[in-house]
């Protein structure tokens, strides 16, 4: 198997014969062929200002992967008895990979645990906090607050980096699967964006529902339609806001609303077992999706590629344009 995972202005990541292969030092906007895979690098975005990374849906404490209530015909996946739990394997691999890019900040946007257990949250802090210290920024997801738990329930958080400001929203609510945002959060974001002197990247656990859809449905895969419309309106009136980054759906997807990318990034815990690197340049921000490179992580990811009768692999991976793209900032 040979797959193109991502491109950047100066590099490429391939998945070749069961290994992650990363190559840097390439020329921007140039056609290449490596290991039988053809690709074009991103255009030149100018000098690099900083790098930050995001991950989501890490699910410490999970023991069964792919189980869907009421769908007993679908296979569920477990590691053998006595083996290292797969969230431990996947998180260790992703943390090690992120550390190699020396990010200015690392944002974990929700579903830190499988079921909101305090000891699993403590384990998340141990694994991620010990690696990144005060560079770590995190917020809860729906899995963290099904029973009303309050850890990592910060309504808003901001982190100013060289060339970009990160604005993190808590989109999760107790006893809910879907997301929402409140007036206080939208007012905070509105003021932050109005006073920003550099690009703002907004992040949250839940994706937005596209207000342009004809059919309005609450569902569980996004922020409620009403709150999504209000969030999109705030984003649309501020040129400083460059994109919105989410998780929750366990897939890679880049959907543009009014020309602004609204992005979903695949999960850490199973296929493709990845994270997103953001290279902040003078003229744009490059999203570069990566797969965890450790052999044990690849082994588990490839097993779970076949979840949901083979549907999951293409769904979770998305297209190259979903995984790897540039956001113009000037």
C-alpha atoms as a PDB file:
ATOM      1  CA  UNK A   1       0.000   0.000   0.000  1.00  0.00           C
ATOM      2  CA  UNK A   2       1.254   3.475  -0.950  1.00  0.00           C
ATOM      3  CA  UNK A   3      -0.680   6.543   0.143  1.00  0.00           C
ATOM      4  CA  UNK A   4      -0.085  10.270   0.066  1.00  0.00           C
ATOM      5  CA  UNK A   5      -0.818  11.502   3.587  1.00  0.00           C
ATOM      6  CA  UNK A   6       0.007  15.204   3.320  1.00  0.00           C
ATOM      7  CA  UNK A   7       2.100  17.878   1.677  1.00  0.00           C
ATOM      8  CA  UNK A   8       3.548  21.167   2.921  1.00  0.00           C
ATOM      9  CA  UNK A   9       5.462  23.978   1.193  1.00  0.00           C
ATOM     10  CA  UNK A  10       8.703  22.090   1.812  1.00  0.00           C
ATOM     11  CA  UNK A  11       7.798  18.469   2.463  1.00  0.00           C
ATOM     12  CA  UNK A  12       5.627  15.407   2.101  1.00  0.00           C
ATOM     13  CA  UNK A  13       4.393  12.514   4.211  1.00  0.00           C
ATOM     14  CA  UNK A  14       3.748   9.121   2.629  1.00  0.00           C
ATOM     15  CA  UNK A  15       2.477   5.809   3.950  1.00  0.00           C
ATOM     16  CA  UNK A  16       4.538   3.175   2.137  1.00  0.00           C
ATOM     17  CA  UNK A  17       4.400  -0.558   2.810  1.00  0.00           C
ATOM     18  CA  UNK A  18       3.271  -0.118   6.404  1.00  0.00           C
ATOM     19  CA  UNK A  19       5.655   2.725   7.286  1.00  0.00           C
ATOM     20  CA  UNK A  20       5.254   6.485   7.647  1.00  0.00           C
ATOM     21  CA  UNK A  21       7.837   8.255   5.474  1.00  0.00           C
ATOM     22  CA  UNK A  22       8.444  11.982   5.987  1.00  0.00           C
ATOM     23  CA  UNK A  23      10.646  14.018   3.627  1.00  0.00           C
ATOM     24  CA  UNK A  24      11.595  17.676   4.137  1.00  0.00           C
ATOM     25  CA  UNK A  25      13.731  20.093   2.145  1.00  0.00           C
ATOM     26  CA  UNK A  26      11.591  20.043  -1.000  1.00  0.00           C
ATOM     27  CA  UNK A  27      10.842  23.081  -3.168  1.00  0.00           C
ATOM     28  CA  UNK A  28       7.463  24.867  -2.867  1.00  0.00           C
ATOM     29  CA  UNK A  29       4.901  24.505  -5.666  1.00  0.00           C
ATOM     30  CA  UNK A  30       6.913  21.743  -7.294  1.00  0.00           C
ATOM     31  CA  UNK A  31       5.857  18.399  -8.799  1.00  0.00           C
ATOM     32  CA  UNK A  32       7.545  15.293  -7.411  1.00  0.00           C
ATOM     33  CA  UNK A  33       7.333  11.527  -7.522  1.00  0.00           C
ATOM     34  CA  UNK A  34       8.631   9.498  -4.571  1.00  0.00           C
ATOM     35  CA  UNK A  35       8.139   5.784  -3.935  1.00  0.00           C
ATOM     36  CA  UNK A  36       5.794   5.680  -6.894  1.00  0.00           C
ATOM     37  CA  UNK A  37       3.543   8.439  -5.512  1.00  0.00           C
ATOM     38  CA  UNK A  38       3.102  11.716  -7.416  1.00  0.00           C
ATOM     39  CA  UNK A  39       2.345  14.962  -5.603  1.00  0.00           C
ATOM     40  CA  UNK A  40       2.756  18.741  -5.696  1.00  0.00           C
ATOM     41  CA  UNK A  41       4.063  20.676  -2.716  1.00  0.00           C
ATOM     42  CA  UNK A  42       2.180  23.702  -1.378  1.00  0.00           C
ATOM     43  CA  UNK A  43       3.085  27.176  -2.645  1.00  0.00           C
ATOM     44  CA  UNK A  44       5.600  29.355  -0.831  1.00  0.00           C
ATOM     45  CA  UNK A  45       3.903  31.084   2.125  1.00  0.00           C
ATOM     46  CA  UNK A  46       6.841  33.215   3.183  1.00  0.00           C
ATOM     47  CA  UNK A  47       9.037  33.058   6.290  1.00  0.00           C
ATOM     48  CA  UNK A  48       7.987  30.693   9.078  1.00  0.00           C
ATOM     49  CA  UNK A  49       6.799  32.439  12.258  1.00  0.00           C
ATOM     50  CA  UNK A  50       5.867  29.503  14.490  1.00  0.00           C
ATOM     51  CA  UNK A  51       4.431  25.987  14.597  1.00  0.00           C
ATOM     52  CA  UNK A  52       1.551  24.729  16.699  1.00  0.00           C
ATOM     53  CA  UNK A  53      -0.125  21.327  16.804  1.00  0.00           C
ATOM     54  CA  UNK A  54      -3.606  20.000  17.528  1.00  0.00           C
ATOM     55  CA  UNK A  55      -5.033  16.607  18.418  1.00  0.00           C
ATOM     56  CA  UNK A  56      -8.456  15.396  19.492  1.00  0.00           C
ATOM     57  CA  UNK A  57     -10.482  12.353  20.506  1.00  0.00           C
ATOM     58  CA  UNK A  58      -7.686  10.712  22.464  1.00  0.00           C
ATOM     59  CA  UNK A  59     -10.133   8.697  24.654  1.00  0.00           C
ATOM     60  CA  UNK A  60      -8.033   7.558  27.607  1.00  0.00           C
ATOM     61  CA  UNK A  61      -9.791   4.637  29.279  1.00  0.00           C
ATOM     62  CA  UNK A  62     -11.489   3.242  26.175  1.00  0.00           C
ATOM     63  CA  UNK A  63     -11.342  -0.544  25.810  1.00  0.00           C
ATOM     64  CA  UNK A  64     -13.692  -1.284  22.883  1.00  0.00           C
ATOM     65  CA  UNK A  65     -13.368   0.406  19.510  1.00  0.00           C
ATOM     66  CA  UNK A  66     -16.101   0.551  16.886  1.00  0.00           C
ATOM     67  CA  UNK A  67     -19.028  -0.552  19.048  1.00  0.00           C
ATOM     68  CA  UNK A  68     -22.326   1.018  17.987  1.00  0.00           C
ATOM     69  CA  UNK A  69     -25.378   0.455  20.174  1.00  0.00           C
ATOM     70  CA  UNK A  70     -28.044  -1.491  18.286  1.00  0.00           C
ATOM     71  CA  UNK A  71     -25.681  -2.497  15.467  1.00  0.00           C
ATOM     72  CA  UNK A  72     -24.493  -5.884  16.652  1.00  0.00           C
ATOM     73  CA  UNK A  73     -23.700  -6.958  13.102  1.00  0.00           C
ATOM     74  CA  UNK A  74     -20.683  -4.622  13.078  1.00  0.00           C
ATOM     75  CA  UNK A  75     -17.380  -5.876  14.426  1.00  0.00           C
ATOM     76  CA  UNK A  76     -15.894  -4.264  17.517  1.00  0.00           C
ATOM     77  CA  UNK A  77     -12.135  -4.167  18.054  1.00  0.00           C
ATOM     78  CA  UNK A  78     -10.125  -4.849  21.210  1.00  0.00           C
ATOM     79  CA  UNK A  79      -6.502  -5.526  22.021  1.00  0.00           C
ATOM     80  CA  UNK A  80      -5.642  -9.000  23.396  1.00  0.00           C
ATOM     81  CA  UNK A  81      -5.976  -9.522  27.119  1.00  0.00           C
ATOM     82  CA  UNK A  82      -2.864  -8.302  28.894  1.00  0.00           C
ATOM     83  CA  UNK A  83      -1.747  -6.086  25.994  1.00  0.00           C
ATOM     84  CA  UNK A  84      -1.160  -2.355  26.402  1.00  0.00           C
ATOM     85  CA  UNK A  85      -4.498  -0.497  26.002  1.00  0.00           C
ATOM     86  CA  UNK A  86      -4.697   1.052  22.567  1.00  0.00           C
ATOM     87  CA  UNK A  87      -5.279   4.636  23.826  1.00  0.00           C
ATOM     88  CA  UNK A  88      -1.938   4.355  25.624  1.00  0.00           C
ATOM     89  CA  UNK A  89      -0.228   3.128  22.457  1.00  0.00           C
ATOM     90  CA  UNK A  90      -1.754   5.765  20.205  1.00  0.00           C
ATOM     91  CA  UNK A  91      -1.313   8.718  22.560  1.00  0.00           C
ATOM     92  CA  UNK A  92       2.320   7.852  23.300  1.00  0.00           C
ATOM     93  CA  UNK A  93       3.061   7.686  19.574  1.00  0.00           C
ATOM     94  CA  UNK A  94       1.336  10.983  18.745  1.00  0.00           C
ATOM     95  CA  UNK A  95       2.953  12.809  21.671  1.00  0.00           C
ATOM     96  CA  UNK A  96       6.385  11.584  20.546  1.00  0.00           C
ATOM     97  CA  UNK A  97       5.744  12.726  16.970  1.00  0.00           C
ATOM     98  CA  UNK A  98       4.460  16.164  17.970  1.00  0.00           C
ATOM     99  CA  UNK A  99       7.498  16.706  20.176  1.00  0.00           C
ATOM    100  CA  UNK A 100       9.786  16.416  17.140  1.00  0.00           C
ATOM    101  CA  UNK A 101       8.364  19.606  15.596  1.00  0.00           C
ATOM    102  CA  UNK A 102       8.987  21.605  18.804  1.00  0.00           C
ATOM    103  CA  UNK A 103       5.604  23.368  18.730  1.00  0.00           C
ATOM    104  CA  UNK A 104       4.963  26.694  20.436  1.00  0.00           C
ATOM    105  CA  UNK A 105       1.606  25.318  21.622  1.00  0.00           C
ATOM    106  CA  UNK A 106      -0.248  21.994  21.587  1.00  0.00           C
ATOM    107  CA  UNK A 107      -4.049  22.099  21.640  1.00  0.00           C
ATOM    108  CA  UNK A 108      -6.046  18.965  22.507  1.00  0.00           C
ATOM    109  CA  UNK A 109      -9.609  19.795  21.586  1.00  0.00           C
ATOM    110  CA  UNK A 110     -11.798  17.395  23.462  1.00  0.00           C
ATOM    111  CA  UNK A 111     -12.672  13.814  24.281  1.00  0.00           C
ATOM    112  CA  UNK A 112      -9.697  13.548  26.562  1.00  0.00           C
ATOM    113  CA  UNK A 113     -11.315  10.467  28.131  1.00  0.00           C
ATOM    114  CA  UNK A 114     -13.744   7.793  27.042  1.00  0.00           C
ATOM    115  CA  UNK A 115     -16.253   8.304  29.853  1.00  0.00           C
ATOM    116  CA  UNK A 116     -15.214  11.266  31.970  1.00  0.00           C
ATOM    117  CA  UNK A 117     -13.438   9.231  34.643  1.00  0.00           C
ATOM    118  CA  UNK A 118     -11.164  11.363  36.840  1.00  0.00           C
ATOM    119  CA  UNK A 119      -8.312   8.860  36.767  1.00  0.00           C
ATOM    120  CA  UNK A 120      -8.401   8.823  32.952  1.00  0.00           C
ATOM    121  CA  UNK A 121      -8.242  12.615  32.892  1.00  0.00           C
ATOM    122  CA  UNK A 122      -5.297  12.428  35.280  1.00  0.00           C
ATOM    123  CA  UNK A 123      -3.625  10.003  32.889  1.00  0.00           C
ATOM    124  CA  UNK A 124      -4.204  12.421  30.002  1.00  0.00           C
ATOM    125  CA  UNK A 125      -2.511  15.170  31.995  1.00  0.00           C
ATOM    126  CA  UNK A 126       0.360  12.847  32.857  1.00  0.00           C
ATOM    127  CA  UNK A 127       1.041  11.820  29.252  1.00  0.00           C
ATOM    128  CA  UNK A 128       0.479  15.152  27.518  1.00  0.00           C
ATOM    129  CA  UNK A 129       1.384  17.532  30.332  1.00  0.00           C
ATOM    130  CA  UNK A 130       4.695  15.838  31.082  1.00  0.00           C
ATOM    131  CA  UNK A 131       5.663  16.207  27.419  1.00  0.00           C
ATOM    132  CA  UNK A 132       4.546  19.782  26.776  1.00  0.00           C
ATOM    133  CA  UNK A 133       4.157  21.520  30.148  1.00  0.00           C
ATOM    134  CA  UNK A 134       2.675  24.991  29.868  1.00  0.00           C
ATOM    135  CA  UNK A 135       2.606  24.692  26.066  1.00  0.00           C
ATOM    136  CA  UNK A 136      -0.396  22.344  26.471  1.00  0.00           C
ATOM    137  CA  UNK A 137      -3.861  23.864  26.037  1.00  0.00           C
ATOM    138  CA  UNK A 138      -6.887  21.580  26.327  1.00  0.00           C
ATOM    139  CA  UNK A 139     -10.648  21.541  26.718  1.00  0.00           C
ATOM    140  CA  UNK A 140     -13.268  18.877  27.281  1.00  0.00           C
ATOM    141  CA  UNK A 141     -15.396  17.063  24.707  1.00  0.00           C
ATOM    142  CA  UNK A 142     -18.782  15.393  25.018  1.00  0.00           C
ATOM    143  CA  UNK A 143     -17.233  12.136  26.246  1.00  0.00           C
ATOM    144  CA  UNK A 144     -15.800  14.060  29.195  1.00  0.00           C
ATOM    145  CA  UNK A 145     -19.113  15.390  30.526  1.00  0.00           C
ATOM    146  CA  UNK A 146     -21.887  12.867  29.833  1.00  0.00           C
ATOM    147  CA  UNK A 147     -22.709  12.691  33.540  1.00  0.00           C
ATOM    148  CA  UNK A 148     -22.210  16.344  34.359  1.00  0.00           C
ATOM    149  CA  UNK A 149     -18.446  16.267  34.995  1.00  0.00           C
ATOM    150  CA  UNK A 150     -16.727  19.656  35.068  1.00  0.00           C
ATOM    151  CA  UNK A 151     -13.023  19.041  34.500  1.00  0.00           C
ATOM    152  CA  UNK A 152     -11.406  20.991  31.643  1.00  0.00           C
ATOM    153  CA  UNK A 153     -14.623  23.046  31.386  1.00  0.00           C
ATOM    154  CA  UNK A 154     -13.034  26.398  30.605  1.00  0.00           C
ATOM    155  CA  UNK A 155     -15.516  28.449  28.598  1.00  0.00           C
ATOM    156  CA  UNK A 156     -12.846  30.372  26.678  1.00  0.00           C
ATOM    157  CA  UNK A 157      -9.071  30.287  26.421  1.00  0.00           C
ATOM    158  CA  UNK A 158      -6.647  32.367  24.378  1.00  0.00           C
ATOM    159  CA  UNK A 159      -2.997  31.791  23.600  1.00  0.00           C
ATOM    160  CA  UNK A 160      -0.952  34.422  21.732  1.00  0.00           C
ATOM    161  CA  UNK A 161       1.893  33.029  19.617  1.00  0.00           C
ATOM    162  CA  UNK A 162       4.289  34.603  17.143  1.00  0.00           C
ATOM    163  CA  UNK A 163       2.094  35.248  14.117  1.00  0.00           C
ATOM    164  CA  UNK A 164      -1.210  33.794  15.341  1.00  0.00           C
ATOM    165  CA  UNK A 165      -3.656  33.940  18.253  1.00  0.00           C
ATOM    166  CA  UNK A 166      -5.443  30.734  19.282  1.00  0.00           C
ATOM    167  CA  UNK A 167      -9.004  31.096  20.621  1.00  0.00           C
ATOM    168  CA  UNK A 168     -10.374  27.906  22.191  1.00  0.00           C
ATOM    169  CA  UNK A 169     -14.088  27.464  22.961  1.00  0.00           C
ATOM    170  CA  UNK A 170     -15.724  24.840  25.176  1.00  0.00           C
ATOM    171  CA  UNK A 171     -18.475  23.603  22.846  1.00  0.00           C
ATOM    172  CA  UNK A 172     -19.480  20.672  25.093  1.00  0.00           C
ATOM    173  CA  UNK A 173     -22.391  20.703  27.516  1.00  0.00           C
ATOM    174  CA  UNK A 174     -23.273  18.326  30.319  1.00  0.00           C
ATOM    175  CA  UNK A 175     -25.492  15.355  29.364  1.00  0.00           C
ATOM    176  CA  UNK A 176     -25.290  16.251  25.647  1.00  0.00           C
ATOM    177  CA  UNK A 177     -23.581  14.603  22.694  1.00  0.00           C
ATOM    178  CA  UNK A 178     -23.917  17.534  20.325  1.00  0.00           C
ATOM    179  CA  UNK A 179     -22.373  20.931  20.862  1.00  0.00           C
ATOM    180  CA  UNK A 180     -23.407  24.484  21.614  1.00  0.00           C
ATOM    181  CA  UNK A 181     -21.885  27.901  22.274  1.00  0.00           C
ATOM    182  CA  UNK A 182     -23.222  30.613  24.546  1.00  0.00           C
ATOM    183  CA  UNK A 183     -23.685  34.365  24.293  1.00  0.00           C
ATOM    184  CA  UNK A 184     -20.739  34.986  26.605  1.00  0.00           C
ATOM    185  CA  UNK A 185     -18.426  32.924  24.388  1.00  0.00           C
ATOM    186  CA  UNK A 186     -19.541  34.652  21.200  1.00  0.00           C
ATOM    187  CA  UNK A 187     -19.140  38.080  22.784  1.00  0.00           C
ATOM    188  CA  UNK A 188     -15.655  37.107  23.962  1.00  0.00           C
ATOM    189  CA  UNK A 189     -14.654  35.898  20.489  1.00  0.00           C
ATOM    190  CA  UNK A 190     -16.179  38.986  18.850  1.00  0.00           C
ATOM    191  CA  UNK A 191     -14.101  41.284  21.056  1.00  0.00           C
ATOM    192  CA  UNK A 192     -10.917  39.239  20.712  1.00  0.00           C
ATOM    193  CA  UNK A 193     -11.172  39.215  16.903  1.00  0.00           C
ATOM    194  CA  UNK A 194     -12.013  42.923  16.741  1.00  0.00           C
ATOM    195  CA  UNK A 195      -8.860  43.794  18.692  1.00  0.00           C
ATOM    196  CA  UNK A 196      -6.547  41.254  17.065  1.00  0.00           C
ATOM    197  CA  UNK A 197      -3.445  42.496  15.275  1.00  0.00           C
ATOM    198  CA  UNK A 198      -2.628  39.091  13.777  1.00  0.00           C
ATOM    199  CA  UNK A 199      -4.585  36.088  12.427  1.00  0.00           C
ATOM    200  CA  UNK A 200      -6.933  34.329  14.856  1.00  0.00           C
ATOM    201  CA  UNK A 201      -7.528  30.567  14.731  1.00  0.00           C
ATOM    202  CA  UNK A 202     -10.685  29.438  16.543  1.00  0.00           C
ATOM    203  CA  UNK A 203     -10.848  25.902  17.948  1.00  0.00           C
ATOM    204  CA  UNK A 204     -13.479  23.738  19.634  1.00  0.00           C
ATOM    205  CA  UNK A 205     -14.452  20.105  19.991  1.00  0.00           C
ATOM    206  CA  UNK A 206     -17.597  20.152  17.835  1.00  0.00           C
ATOM    207  CA  UNK A 207     -17.778  21.156  14.153  1.00  0.00           C
ATOM    208  CA  UNK A 208     -20.296  23.740  13.011  1.00  0.00           C
ATOM    209  CA  UNK A 209     -23.505  22.922  11.214  1.00  0.00           C
ATOM    210  CA  UNK A 210     -23.500  24.698   7.843  1.00  0.00           C
ATOM    211  CA  UNK A 211     -26.142  27.450   8.000  1.00  0.00           C
ATOM    212  CA  UNK A 212     -26.444  27.228   4.208  1.00  0.00           C
ATOM    213  CA  UNK A 213     -28.143  23.834   4.406  1.00  0.00           C
ATOM    214  CA  UNK A 214     -31.834  23.825   3.627  1.00  0.00           C
ATOM    215  CA  UNK A 215     -32.709  21.175   6.190  1.00  0.00           C
ATOM    216  CA  UNK A 216     -32.204  22.206   9.815  1.00  0.00           C
ATOM    217  CA  UNK A 217     -31.539  19.348  12.213  1.00  0.00           C
ATOM    218  CA  UNK A 218     -29.948  19.316  15.646  1.00  0.00           C
ATOM    219  CA  UNK A 219     -28.206  15.956  15.303  1.00  0.00           C
ATOM    220  CA  UNK A 220     -25.178  15.030  17.410  1.00  0.00           C
ATOM    221  CA  UNK A 221     -22.312  15.676  15.015  1.00  0.00           C
ATOM    222  CA  UNK A 222     -22.090  19.436  15.308  1.00  0.00           C
ATOM    223  CA  UNK A 223     -22.919  22.591  17.228  1.00  0.00           C
ATOM    224  CA  UNK A 224     -26.691  23.234  17.145  1.00  0.00           C
ATOM    225  CA  UNK A 225     -27.896  24.998  13.981  1.00  0.00           C
ATOM    226  CA  UNK A 226     -28.857  28.138  15.882  1.00  0.00           C
ATOM    227  CA  UNK A 227     -25.516  28.411  17.672  1.00  0.00           C
ATOM    228  CA  UNK A 228     -23.617  27.459  14.522  1.00  0.00           C
ATOM    229  CA  UNK A 229     -25.287  30.283  12.594  1.00  0.00           C
ATOM    230  CA  UNK A 230     -24.325  32.774  15.311  1.00  0.00           C
ATOM    231  CA  UNK A 231     -20.742  31.503  15.420  1.00  0.00           C
ATOM    232  CA  UNK A 232     -20.422  31.645  11.636  1.00  0.00           C
ATOM    233  CA  UNK A 233     -21.769  35.211  11.715  1.00  0.00           C
ATOM    234  CA  UNK A 234     -19.053  36.263  14.179  1.00  0.00           C
ATOM    235  CA  UNK A 235     -16.394  34.562  12.059  1.00  0.00           C
ATOM    236  CA  UNK A 236     -17.667  36.130   8.835  1.00  0.00           C
ATOM    237  CA  UNK A 237     -17.492  39.708  10.065  1.00  0.00           C
ATOM    238  CA  UNK A 238     -13.874  39.558  11.181  1.00  0.00           C
ATOM    239  CA  UNK A 239     -11.155  39.298   8.540  1.00  0.00           C
ATOM    240  CA  UNK A 240      -8.755  38.462  11.355  1.00  0.00           C
ATOM    241  CA  UNK A 241     -10.380  35.029  11.890  1.00  0.00           C
ATOM    242  CA  UNK A 242      -8.676  32.653   9.486  1.00  0.00           C
ATOM    243  CA  UNK A 243     -10.333  29.289  10.248  1.00  0.00           C
ATOM    244  CA  UNK A 244     -12.205  27.117  12.758  1.00  0.00           C
ATOM    245  CA  UNK A 245     -10.668  23.776  13.810  1.00  0.00           C
ATOM    246  CA  UNK A 246     -12.671  20.946  15.413  1.00  0.00           C
ATOM    247  CA  UNK A 247     -12.661  17.220  16.109  1.00  0.00           C
ATOM    248  CA  UNK A 248     -15.543  14.994  17.303  1.00  0.00           C
ATOM    249  CA  UNK A 249     -16.391  13.328  13.972  1.00  0.00           C
ATOM    250  CA  UNK A 250     -13.157  11.256  13.819  1.00  0.00           C
ATOM    251  CA  UNK A 251     -12.520  12.283  10.233  1.00  0.00           C
ATOM    252  CA  UNK A 252     -10.501  14.729   8.166  1.00  0.00           C
ATOM    253  CA  UNK A 253     -12.694  17.303   6.451  1.00  0.00           C
ATOM    254  CA  UNK A 254     -12.232  20.878   5.264  1.00  0.00           C
ATOM    255  CA  UNK A 255     -15.486  22.640   4.414  1.00  0.00           C
ATOM    256  CA  UNK A 256     -15.514  26.305   3.468  1.00  0.00           C
ATOM    257  CA  UNK A 257     -18.322  28.620   4.537  1.00  0.00           C
ATOM    258  CA  UNK A 258     -18.086  32.088   3.062  1.00  0.00           C
ATOM    259  CA  UNK A 259     -14.547  31.250   1.999  1.00  0.00           C
ATOM    260  CA  UNK A 260     -13.436  30.438   5.565  1.00  0.00           C
ATOM    261  CA  UNK A 261     -12.204  26.874   6.257  1.00  0.00           C
ATOM    262  CA  UNK A 262     -14.206  24.994   8.895  1.00  0.00           C
ATOM    263  CA  UNK A 263     -12.066  21.966   9.593  1.00  0.00           C
ATOM    264  CA  UNK A 264     -12.457  18.565  11.249  1.00  0.00           C
ATOM    265  CA  UNK A 265      -9.365  16.521  12.152  1.00  0.00           C
ATOM    266  CA  UNK A 266      -9.299  12.730  12.524  1.00  0.00           C
ATOM    267  CA  UNK A 267      -8.824  11.096  15.916  1.00  0.00           C
ATOM    268  CA  UNK A 268      -5.765   9.898  17.805  1.00  0.00           C
ATOM    269  CA  UNK A 269      -7.204   6.662  19.221  1.00  0.00           C
ATOM    270  CA  UNK A 270      -7.744   4.661  16.010  1.00  0.00           C
ATOM    271  CA  UNK A 271      -7.355   4.922  12.237  1.00  0.00           C
ATOM    272  CA  UNK A 272      -5.619   6.905  10.926  1.00  0.00           C
ATOM    273  CA  UNK A 273      -4.230   7.714  14.364  1.00  0.00           C
ATOM    274  CA  UNK A 274      -3.056  11.211  13.651  1.00  0.00           C
ATOM    275  CA  UNK A 275      -2.645  14.855  14.500  1.00  0.00           C
ATOM    276  CA  UNK A 276      -2.405  18.166  12.678  1.00  0.00           C
ATOM    277  CA  UNK A 277       0.615  20.435  12.440  1.00  0.00           C
ATOM    278  CA  UNK A 278       0.054  24.116  11.651  1.00  0.00           C
ATOM    279  CA  UNK A 279       2.959  26.011  10.158  1.00  0.00           C
ATOM    280  CA  UNK A 280       2.325  29.735  10.574  1.00  0.00           C
ATOM    281  CA  UNK A 281       4.040  31.692   7.802  1.00  0.00           C
ATOM    282  CA  UNK A 282       4.013  35.381   6.931  1.00  0.00           C
ATOM    283  CA  UNK A 283       1.434  34.895   4.168  1.00  0.00           C
ATOM    284  CA  UNK A 284      -0.560  31.911   5.352  1.00  0.00           C
ATOM    285  CA  UNK A 285      -1.029  28.948   7.637  1.00  0.00           C
ATOM    286  CA  UNK A 286      -0.384  25.434   6.315  1.00  0.00           C
ATOM    287  CA  UNK A 287      -2.299  22.507   7.822  1.00  0.00           C
ATOM    288  CA  UNK A 288      -0.239  19.330   7.551  1.00  0.00           C
ATOM    289  CA  UNK A 289      -1.900  16.146   8.794  1.00  0.00           C
ATOM    290  CA  UNK A 290       0.375  13.413  10.154  1.00  0.00           C
ATOM    291  CA  UNK A 291      -0.104   9.770  10.979  1.00  0.00           C
ATOM    292  CA  UNK A 292       1.518   8.380  14.131  1.00  0.00           C
ATOM    293  CA  UNK A 293       4.771   6.788  13.012  1.00  0.00           C
ATOM    294  CA  UNK A 294       5.494   4.240  15.773  1.00  0.00           C
ATOM    295  CA  UNK A 295       5.134   0.637  14.524  1.00  0.00           C
ATOM    296  CA  UNK A 296       2.717  -0.347  17.323  1.00  0.00           C
ATOM    297  CA  UNK A 297       0.496   2.632  16.508  1.00  0.00           C
ATOM    298  CA  UNK A 298       0.517   1.798  12.801  1.00  0.00           C
ATOM    299  CA  UNK A 299      -0.418  -1.809  13.574  1.00  0.00           C
ATOM    300  CA  UNK A 300      -3.485  -0.781  15.597  1.00  0.00           C
ATOM    301  CA  UNK A 301      -4.481   1.918  13.124  1.00  0.00           C
ATOM    302  CA  UNK A 302      -4.407  -0.516  10.226  1.00  0.00           C
ATOM    303  CA  UNK A 303      -6.582  -2.991  12.131  1.00  0.00           C
ATOM    304  CA  UNK A 304      -9.186  -0.313  12.781  1.00  0.00           C
ATOM    305  CA  UNK A 305      -9.064   0.965   9.204  1.00  0.00           C
ATOM    306  CA  UNK A 306     -11.569  -1.821   8.483  1.00  0.00           C
ATOM    307  CA  UNK A 307     -14.179  -0.729  11.045  1.00  0.00           C
ATOM    308  CA  UNK A 308     -17.814  -0.446  10.043  1.00  0.00           C
ATOM    309  CA  UNK A 309     -17.476  -3.046   7.294  1.00  0.00           C
ATOM    310  CA  UNK A 310     -14.668  -1.132   5.584  1.00  0.00           C
ATOM    311  CA  UNK A 311     -16.506   2.201   5.456  1.00  0.00           C
ATOM    312  CA  UNK A 312     -14.415   3.830   8.164  1.00  0.00           C
ATOM    313  CA  UNK A 313     -11.062   4.000   6.392  1.00  0.00           C
ATOM    314  CA  UNK A 314     -12.024   6.343   3.514  1.00  0.00           C
ATOM    315  CA  UNK A 315     -14.386   8.300   5.796  1.00  0.00           C
ATOM    316  CA  UNK A 316     -11.757   8.944   8.448  1.00  0.00           C
ATOM    317  CA  UNK A 317      -8.890   9.689   6.070  1.00  0.00           C
ATOM    318  CA  UNK A 318     -10.769  12.122   3.826  1.00  0.00           C
ATOM    319  CA  UNK A 319      -9.206  13.588   0.705  1.00  0.00           C
ATOM    320  CA  UNK A 320      -5.791  15.209   0.413  1.00  0.00           C
ATOM    321  CA  UNK A 321      -7.551  18.595   0.292  1.00  0.00           C
ATOM    322  CA  UNK A 322      -9.181  17.756   3.639  1.00  0.00           C
ATOM    323  CA  UNK A 323      -5.855  16.859   5.235  1.00  0.00           C
ATOM    324  CA  UNK A 324      -3.435  19.323   3.734  1.00  0.00           C
ATOM    325  CA  UNK A 325      -4.142  22.899   2.679  1.00  0.00           C
ATOM    326  CA  UNK A 326      -3.088  26.521   3.104  1.00  0.00           C
ATOM    327  CA  UNK A 327      -5.136  29.284   4.728  1.00  0.00           C
ATOM    328  CA  UNK A 328      -4.305  32.716   3.341  1.00  0.00           C
ATOM    329  CA  UNK A 329      -3.710  35.377   6.017  1.00  0.00           C
ATOM    330  CA  UNK A 330      -2.574  38.358   3.968  1.00  0.00           C
END
